[in-house]
Amino acid sequence: MRIKINLLLTLLPALFSAAYSQTTVSGIIDRDTRWNAENGPFIIEGDILVTRRANLVIAPGTEIIIADSEKNESPAKPFDKADSALISIRVQGALTVVGKRDKPVTFKPQTAGLASYGWRGIIIDEAKNGYVEIAFAEISGATTGITVKKTNALLRNNIIENCNIGIHCFFGGTSNIYNNLITSCFTSAIKIERSNPQILNNIIAFNKNTGLWCDNTSKVRFRYNCVFGNIDGNFLDCDPETGRLSKVNKNNDSTDAADNIIKDPVFIGSAAQARAIALDVNTPTDSSKVKNPALLKILNIVNPQTASSGEDEPQTIKGVKNHYKLSKYSPCFNAGDPAKRFNNSDGKRNTIGPEGGPEFMGD
C-alpha cells in the first residue's frame, strides 16, 4: 500500500502540470516556430517580433492570451503610438494561423471589456517576402485587430469583435479579406488608406461607428458582403454607388451594383430572427403557449416537418460563437461570390460570413 501511495504522490505533480500547462512568450522569433494547442494557453507578456527570416505557425485550437502587464522594452521601434504603450504581435516574416471550423485559434486580452483595449493587435509590417494567412481565428479586445502594411495577406473566416478598428489596410496593404465577421468595433470595422484590398463575402454589422471607411483614392474591390446596422453609417468616403440598392439577387434580396446586401444577417437568438418567425406562416406554434393539444395539432398541420425540427432554437456550435450562428432566415446563405473557389465545404455557393467558404483555400 505504501508503494501505491508513493507512486500516486509522484504522479500528481505531473498530472496537475499537464492539466494546467501554459507557455509564457515574448521577444524575438528569428527561426521557424510552431505554437500547438497542447502547449497552451500561450501567455504573451511582452511584444512579439517575427523577423523576416522566421515563420510562425499557430495550430488549430491554440489559445493566445495577452497578459495584463506593463509593456517592457520592445524588440523593435514601436509601430505607432498605440504600439508604444500596448503589447503587439508584429510580423515582418511569415505567419500562418491555421485554425479549423471546430477548432479556432483565439487571441484575447487577459481582462476583456467593451471599449477596453488590452493590446495593440496583430501587425503585418511589410512582410513582402513571407506568406501570411490568418484563418478561422477569433480576435478581440485590440486597438486594431489586424493591421496590414505593404503586404498581400489572406484573412478569411475570422471573427473580429470588440476592437477599436477591426482590420486596417494601408500603404499598399493589398489583402484578400474573405468570409469574416467584423462586429462591435468602435471606430470602424474596416479602414482603408492607400491600399487596394479585395473584400468579399464578409458580414460587417453592428459596429459603433462606420462599417467600411475608405479614403476616396484607394481602389477597393468590395463585393458580395452583408453590411448592416453600423450606427454612424455603413460606408464613409467610399464609392458613392456602394450600398445604393439597384438590383435583386437570386434570393430575391435587394443589392447594390456590386451584389452587396444591406440587410440584417439574422443570427440565431436575435430580435431579427424573432420577427422573422412571427412573420413565417409555416412556423409551428409554440406548444408551451397552447393548452389544447388538439388545437396545437391543427395549428401545426401547415408544415408538420418543422414542428419538431428545432431549427430556430439557440444551438451550441463548435467553432462559431453561438450568438453569431446564422438563422435559417438569414439572407447570407448562398449569397456570396459564385466563383467555385469560394464554394462552401458541401459544394454549394458561398454563404456570406465565417460559416461560408471552403475549409482550405486554394490558389
Protein backbone atom coordinates (compact mmCIF):
# COMPACT_ATOMS: atom_id res chain seq x y z
CA MET A 1 0.00 0.00 0.00
CA ARG A 2 2.82 2.38 0.81
CA ILE A 3 4.28 1.84 -2.67
CA LYS A 4 0.97 2.73 -4.35
CA ILE A 5 0.61 5.90 -2.29
CA ASN A 6 4.14 7.00 -3.08
CA LEU A 7 3.55 6.34 -6.79
CA LEU A 8 0.38 8.42 -6.72
CA LEU A 9 2.17 11.27 -4.95
CA THR A 10 4.89 11.11 -7.57
CA LEU A 11 2.41 11.27 -10.44
CA LEU A 12 0.21 14.06 -9.05
CA PRO A 13 2.54 16.98 -9.89
CA ALA A 14 2.89 15.75 -13.47
CA LEU A 15 -0.88 15.31 -13.85
CA PHE A 16 -1.51 18.75 -12.36
CA SER A 17 1.08 20.29 -14.69
CA ALA A 18 -0.47 18.64 -17.76
CA ALA A 19 -3.96 19.82 -16.82
CA TYR A 20 -2.84 23.39 -16.23
CA SER A 21 0.04 23.75 -18.72
CA GLN A 22 0.76 27.12 -20.26
CA THR A 23 3.62 28.77 -22.10
CA THR A 24 4.84 32.31 -21.46
CA VAL A 25 6.29 34.07 -24.52
CA SER A 26 7.73 37.45 -25.52
CA GLY A 27 10.60 38.88 -27.54
CA ILE A 28 12.10 37.98 -30.93
CA ILE A 29 11.20 34.93 -33.02
CA ASP A 30 14.01 34.56 -35.56
CA ARG A 31 13.57 30.94 -36.62
CA ASP A 32 10.64 28.79 -37.75
CA THR A 33 8.36 28.26 -34.75
CA ARG A 34 5.11 26.40 -34.13
CA TRP A 35 2.58 27.00 -31.34
CA ASN A 36 0.38 23.98 -30.64
CA ALA A 37 -2.83 23.87 -28.63
CA GLU A 38 -1.48 21.25 -26.20
CA ASN A 39 1.27 23.64 -25.11
CA GLY A 40 -1.15 26.47 -24.44
CA PRO A 41 -2.56 28.72 -23.48
CA PHE A 42 0.26 30.98 -24.66
CA ILE A 43 0.55 33.95 -22.32
CA ILE A 44 2.15 36.92 -24.10
CA GLU A 45 3.87 39.10 -21.52
CA GLY A 46 5.71 41.40 -23.93
CA ASP A 47 5.94 42.31 -27.61
CA ILE A 48 6.43 39.50 -30.13
CA LEU A 49 8.51 40.26 -33.23
CA VAL A 50 8.62 37.66 -36.03
CA THR A 51 11.71 38.57 -38.07
CA ARG A 52 11.97 38.39 -41.86
CA ARG A 53 13.71 35.01 -41.81
CA ALA A 54 11.18 33.36 -39.49
CA ASN A 55 7.79 31.69 -39.92
CA LEU A 56 5.36 31.48 -37.00
CA VAL A 57 2.74 28.75 -37.40
CA ILE A 58 -0.18 28.66 -34.95
CA ALA A 59 -2.06 25.35 -34.94
CA PRO A 60 -5.83 24.75 -34.61
CA GLY A 61 -7.37 25.25 -31.20
CA THR A 62 -4.48 27.28 -29.79
CA GLU A 63 -5.44 29.89 -27.20
CA ILE A 64 -3.36 33.09 -27.02
CA ILE A 65 -3.85 35.45 -24.09
CA ILE A 66 -2.27 38.89 -23.87
CA ALA A 67 -1.29 39.47 -20.26
CA ASP A 68 -2.30 42.46 -18.18
CA SER A 69 1.21 43.72 -17.66
CA GLU A 70 3.17 46.90 -18.25
CA LYS A 71 4.86 46.86 -21.62
CA ASN A 72 8.56 46.08 -21.43
CA GLU A 73 11.20 47.38 -23.81
CA SER A 74 10.14 46.48 -27.36
CA PRO A 75 12.43 44.34 -29.58
CA ALA A 76 11.79 46.85 -32.40
CA LYS A 77 10.93 50.51 -32.79
CA PRO A 78 7.22 50.98 -31.95
CA PHE A 79 4.95 50.76 -34.97
CA ASP A 80 2.79 53.66 -33.78
CA LYS A 81 1.70 55.44 -30.62
CA ALA A 82 -0.63 52.63 -29.55
CA ASP A 83 2.13 50.08 -30.08
CA SER A 84 4.44 52.09 -27.81
CA ALA A 85 2.01 51.57 -24.93
CA LEU A 86 0.43 48.16 -25.61
CA ILE A 87 1.68 44.66 -26.39
CA SER A 88 1.55 43.58 -30.04
CA ILE A 89 2.30 40.59 -32.24
CA ARG A 90 4.35 42.08 -35.08
CA VAL A 91 5.17 40.08 -38.19
CA GLN A 92 7.88 41.04 -40.67
CA GLY A 93 8.43 37.46 -41.89
CA ALA A 94 5.75 34.79 -42.36
CA LEU A 95 2.65 33.99 -40.32
CA THR A 96 0.29 31.05 -40.75
CA VAL A 97 -2.68 30.90 -38.41
CA VAL A 98 -4.39 27.65 -39.41
CA GLY A 99 -7.48 27.25 -37.29
CA LYS A 100 -10.36 24.99 -38.23
CA ARG A 101 -14.12 25.48 -38.10
CA ASP A 102 -14.39 23.36 -34.97
CA LYS A 103 -11.02 24.44 -33.53
CA PRO A 104 -10.49 28.20 -33.98
CA VAL A 105 -7.35 29.97 -32.82
CA THR A 106 -8.25 32.63 -30.22
CA PHE A 107 -6.47 35.91 -29.46
CA LYS A 108 -7.81 37.83 -26.48
CA PRO A 109 -6.65 40.09 -23.64
CA GLN A 110 -6.42 38.65 -20.17
CA THR A 111 -9.04 41.12 -18.99
CA ALA A 112 -11.81 41.62 -21.51
CA GLY A 113 -14.25 44.51 -21.56
CA LEU A 114 -16.32 46.50 -24.00
CA ALA A 115 -14.42 49.54 -25.35
CA SER A 116 -11.42 48.46 -23.27
CA TYR A 117 -8.48 47.54 -25.47
CA GLY A 118 -5.90 45.38 -23.73
CA TRP A 119 -3.40 45.01 -26.60
CA ARG A 120 -2.34 46.60 -29.90
CA GLY A 121 -3.27 43.60 -32.09
CA ILE A 122 -1.59 41.64 -34.89
CA ILE A 123 0.59 43.87 -37.09
CA ILE A 124 1.66 42.58 -40.51
CA ASP A 125 4.52 45.00 -41.15
CA GLU A 126 5.88 44.93 -44.73
CA ALA A 127 6.12 41.14 -44.76
CA LYS A 128 6.67 41.22 -48.52
CA ASN A 129 8.64 38.00 -48.79
CA GLY A 130 6.69 35.94 -46.28
CA TYR A 131 3.39 34.11 -46.64
CA VAL A 132 0.69 35.50 -44.34
CA GLU A 133 -2.63 33.77 -43.70
CA ILE A 134 -4.96 34.20 -40.74
CA ALA A 135 -7.86 31.76 -40.99
CA PHE A 136 -10.52 30.57 -38.52
CA ALA A 137 -9.35 32.83 -35.72
CA GLU A 138 -11.30 34.77 -33.10
CA ILE A 139 -9.69 38.12 -32.29
CA SER A 140 -10.98 40.53 -29.65
CA GLY A 141 -10.09 43.43 -27.39
CA ALA A 142 -7.37 45.08 -29.53
CA THR A 143 -6.95 48.68 -30.65
CA THR A 144 -6.74 47.19 -34.17
CA GLY A 145 -7.45 43.50 -34.63
CA ILE A 146 -5.29 43.10 -37.75
CA THR A 147 -3.10 45.80 -39.30
CA VAL A 148 -1.70 45.16 -42.80
CA LYS A 149 1.06 47.37 -44.23
CA LYS A 150 2.62 46.74 -47.67
CA THR A 151 1.68 43.05 -47.58
CA ASN A 152 -0.60 40.75 -49.52
CA ALA A 153 -2.22 38.80 -46.68
CA LEU A 154 -5.07 36.29 -46.78
CA LEU A 155 -7.56 36.99 -43.98
CA ARG A 156 -10.54 34.63 -44.01
CA ASN A 157 -13.22 33.03 -41.84
CA ASN A 158 -12.30 35.07 -38.78
CA ILE A 159 -14.49 36.65 -36.11
CA ILE A 160 -13.14 40.05 -35.09
CA GLU A 161 -15.07 41.81 -32.34
CA ASN A 162 -14.82 44.46 -29.63
CA CYS A 163 -11.79 46.19 -31.17
CA ASN A 164 -11.38 49.88 -31.93
CA ILE A 165 -10.76 49.02 -35.62
CA GLY A 166 -11.26 45.51 -36.94
CA ILE A 167 -8.93 45.46 -39.97
CA HIS A 168 -6.73 48.36 -41.13
CA CYS A 169 -5.06 48.16 -44.57
CA PHE A 170 -2.69 50.96 -45.54
CA PHE A 171 0.37 51.89 -47.60
CA GLY A 172 -0.09 49.03 -50.04
CA GLY A 173 -1.83 46.51 -47.81
CA THR A 174 -3.38 44.57 -50.70
CA SER A 175 -5.08 41.90 -48.63
CA ASN A 176 -7.67 39.33 -49.64
CA ILE A 177 -10.38 39.60 -46.97
CA TYR A 178 -12.91 36.78 -47.32
CA ASN A 179 -15.80 35.42 -45.22
CA ASN A 180 -15.07 37.25 -41.98
CA LEU A 181 -17.47 38.63 -39.38
CA ILE A 182 -16.46 42.03 -38.01
CA THR A 183 -18.74 43.34 -35.29
CA SER A 184 -18.94 45.53 -32.19
CA CYS A 185 -15.87 47.57 -33.16
CA PHE A 186 -15.81 51.22 -32.07
CA THR A 187 -14.33 53.39 -34.84
CA SER A 188 -14.69 51.15 -37.90
CA ALA A 189 -14.92 47.53 -38.96
CA ILE A 190 -12.51 48.02 -41.89
CA LYS A 191 -10.37 51.09 -42.56
CA ILE A 192 -8.61 51.55 -45.93
CA GLU A 193 -5.77 54.00 -46.63
CA ARG A 194 -3.73 53.99 -49.84
CA SER A 195 -4.23 50.29 -50.42
CA ASN A 196 -6.26 48.09 -52.75
CA PRO A 197 -7.70 45.12 -50.85
CA GLN A 198 -10.22 42.63 -52.16
CA ILE A 199 -13.11 42.36 -49.69
CA LEU A 200 -15.59 39.58 -50.47
CA ASN A 201 -18.27 37.59 -48.60
CA ASN A 202 -17.92 39.33 -45.22
CA ILE A 203 -20.51 40.28 -42.62
CA ILE A 204 -19.87 43.82 -41.38
CA ALA A 205 -22.58 44.53 -38.84
CA PHE A 206 -23.45 46.29 -35.60
CA ASN A 207 -20.27 48.34 -35.24
CA LYS A 208 -20.39 51.51 -33.13
CA ASN A 209 -19.45 53.98 -35.87
CA THR A 210 -18.72 53.07 -39.50
CA GLY A 211 -18.70 49.76 -41.34
CA LEU A 212 -16.28 50.43 -44.22
CA TRP A 213 -14.13 53.58 -44.05
CA CYS A 214 -12.26 54.39 -47.26
CA ASP A 215 -10.03 57.31 -48.28
CA ASN A 216 -11.66 58.27 -51.60
CA THR A 217 -8.49 57.30 -53.50
CA SER A 218 -7.89 53.57 -52.90
CA LYS A 219 -9.25 51.07 -55.40
CA VAL A 220 -11.21 48.66 -53.24
CA ARG A 221 -12.95 45.60 -54.67
CA PHE A 222 -15.91 45.33 -52.30
CA ARG A 223 -18.42 42.69 -53.43
CA TYR A 224 -20.91 40.14 -52.08
CA ASN A 225 -20.79 41.43 -48.50
CA CYS A 226 -23.58 41.82 -45.96
CA VAL A 227 -23.43 45.26 -44.31
CA PHE A 228 -25.95 46.38 -41.71
CA GLY A 229 -26.60 48.29 -38.51
CA ASN A 230 -23.37 50.26 -38.22
CA ILE A 231 -24.52 53.13 -36.02
CA ASP A 232 -22.88 56.13 -37.72
CA GLY A 233 -23.29 54.74 -41.23
CA ASN A 234 -22.38 51.65 -43.18
CA PHE A 235 -19.96 53.50 -45.51
CA LEU A 236 -17.71 56.54 -45.18
CA ASP A 237 -15.77 58.11 -48.09
CA CYS A 238 -16.46 55.11 -50.30
CA ASP A 239 -17.60 54.87 -53.91
CA PRO A 240 -21.00 56.62 -53.92
CA GLU A 241 -22.58 53.57 -55.60
CA THR A 242 -21.57 51.31 -52.70
CA GLY A 243 -24.66 50.48 -50.71
CA ARG A 244 -27.08 52.07 -53.19
CA LEU A 245 -29.64 49.35 -53.90
CA SER A 246 -30.16 48.87 -57.62
CA LYS A 247 -30.91 45.19 -58.34
CA VAL A 248 -32.13 41.91 -56.86
CA ASN A 249 -30.12 38.72 -56.33
CA LYS A 250 -31.24 35.11 -56.77
CA ASN A 251 -32.55 35.05 -53.19
CA ASN A 252 -34.83 37.99 -54.07
CA ASP A 253 -32.92 40.34 -51.77
CA SER A 254 -32.07 43.85 -52.94
CA THR A 255 -28.36 44.52 -53.52
CA ASP A 256 -26.18 47.32 -54.80
CA ALA A 257 -24.40 47.14 -58.15
CA ALA A 258 -21.60 45.04 -56.59
CA ASP A 259 -24.02 42.46 -55.11
CA ASN A 260 -23.64 43.70 -51.52
CA ILE A 261 -26.64 43.07 -49.27
CA ILE A 262 -27.68 45.89 -46.95
CA LYS A 263 -29.74 43.76 -44.62
CA ASP A 264 -29.68 42.24 -41.12
CA PRO A 265 -27.63 38.99 -41.23
CA VAL A 266 -30.14 37.43 -38.77
CA PHE A 267 -28.29 35.43 -36.14
CA ILE A 268 -29.90 32.69 -34.09
CA GLY A 269 -31.44 34.13 -30.94
CA SER A 270 -31.57 37.69 -32.30
CA ALA A 271 -34.54 40.05 -32.39
CA ALA A 272 -34.42 39.83 -36.19
CA GLN A 273 -34.96 36.08 -36.01
CA ALA A 274 -37.88 36.54 -33.62
CA ARG A 275 -39.51 38.94 -36.08
CA ALA A 276 -38.92 36.53 -38.95
CA ILE A 277 -40.51 33.67 -37.02
CA ALA A 278 -43.55 35.82 -36.25
CA LEU A 279 -43.99 36.53 -39.96
CA ASP A 280 -43.41 32.95 -41.08
CA VAL A 281 -46.80 31.30 -41.52
CA ASN A 282 -45.10 27.91 -41.83
CA THR A 283 -43.50 28.12 -38.38
CA PRO A 284 -45.31 25.88 -35.87
CA THR A 285 -46.97 27.49 -32.88
CA ASP A 286 -45.01 27.23 -29.64
CA SER A 287 -46.54 24.29 -27.78
CA SER A 288 -45.96 25.99 -24.42
CA LYS A 289 -48.45 28.67 -25.41
CA VAL A 290 -51.26 26.29 -26.46
CA LYS A 291 -53.08 24.35 -23.73
CA ASN A 292 -55.32 22.30 -26.04
CA PRO A 293 -53.27 19.50 -27.75
CA ALA A 294 -55.92 19.07 -30.44
CA LEU A 295 -55.72 22.77 -31.31
CA LEU A 296 -51.92 22.57 -31.44
CA LYS A 297 -52.11 19.71 -33.93
CA ILE A 298 -54.40 21.79 -36.16
CA LEU A 299 -52.13 24.85 -35.93
CA ASN A 300 -49.06 22.87 -36.88
CA ILE A 301 -50.57 20.84 -39.70
CA VAL A 302 -49.39 23.52 -42.20
CA ASN A 303 -45.83 22.24 -42.03
CA PRO A 304 -45.50 19.15 -39.83
CA GLN A 305 -41.82 18.70 -40.71
CA THR A 306 -40.84 21.94 -38.98
CA ALA A 307 -42.95 21.17 -35.91
CA SER A 308 -40.20 19.10 -34.36
CA SER A 309 -37.14 20.39 -36.18
CA GLY A 310 -35.98 22.82 -33.52
CA GLU A 311 -34.15 24.82 -36.20
CA ASP A 312 -34.97 28.11 -34.56
CA GLU A 313 -33.77 27.19 -31.10
CA PRO A 314 -30.39 28.51 -29.88
CA GLN A 315 -27.67 25.94 -30.53
CA THR A 316 -24.17 25.22 -29.32
CA ILE A 317 -21.98 25.40 -32.42
CA LYS A 318 -18.35 24.32 -32.28
CA GLY A 319 -16.03 26.89 -33.78
CA VAL A 320 -18.67 29.58 -34.31
CA LYS A 321 -19.73 31.61 -31.31
CA ASN A 322 -23.32 30.72 -30.51
CA HIS A 323 -24.62 34.28 -30.84
CA TYR A 324 -23.13 34.55 -34.34
CA LYS A 325 -24.66 31.40 -35.84
CA LEU A 326 -26.83 32.29 -38.84
CA SER A 327 -30.55 31.66 -38.54
CA LYS A 328 -32.30 29.83 -41.36
CA TYR A 329 -33.93 33.21 -42.12
CA SER A 330 -30.57 34.86 -42.89
CA PRO A 331 -30.14 36.47 -46.33
CA CYS A 332 -26.46 35.41 -46.26
CA PHE A 333 -26.98 31.79 -47.30
CA ASN A 334 -25.65 31.10 -50.81
CA ALA A 335 -25.38 34.84 -51.50
CA GLY A 336 -21.58 35.14 -51.68
CA ASP A 337 -19.29 35.19 -54.69
CA PRO A 338 -20.44 32.43 -57.10
CA ALA A 339 -16.90 31.51 -58.19
CA LYS A 340 -16.26 27.81 -57.50
CA ARG A 341 -13.18 28.50 -55.40
CA PHE A 342 -15.44 30.20 -52.84
CA ASN A 343 -17.94 27.32 -52.66
CA ASN A 344 -18.88 26.03 -49.22
CA SER A 345 -17.48 22.72 -47.99
CA ASP A 346 -20.65 20.99 -49.25
CA GLY A 347 -20.08 22.33 -52.76
CA LYS A 348 -22.90 24.87 -52.63
CA ARG A 349 -22.48 28.55 -53.44
CA ASN A 350 -20.65 30.62 -50.83
CA THR A 351 -22.52 31.65 -47.70
CA ILE A 352 -21.54 35.15 -46.55
CA GLY A 353 -19.71 35.22 -43.20
CA PRO A 354 -17.36 32.82 -41.34
CA GLU A 355 -19.67 29.82 -41.80
CA GLY A 356 -19.18 30.01 -45.58
CA GLY A 357 -16.40 29.09 -47.95
CA PRO A 358 -14.14 26.02 -48.10
CA GLU A 359 -12.16 24.63 -45.20
CA PHE A 360 -8.95 25.16 -47.16
CA MET A 361 -8.49 27.95 -49.72
CA GLY A 362 -6.58 27.01 -52.88
CA ASP A 363 -4.92 29.31 -55.38
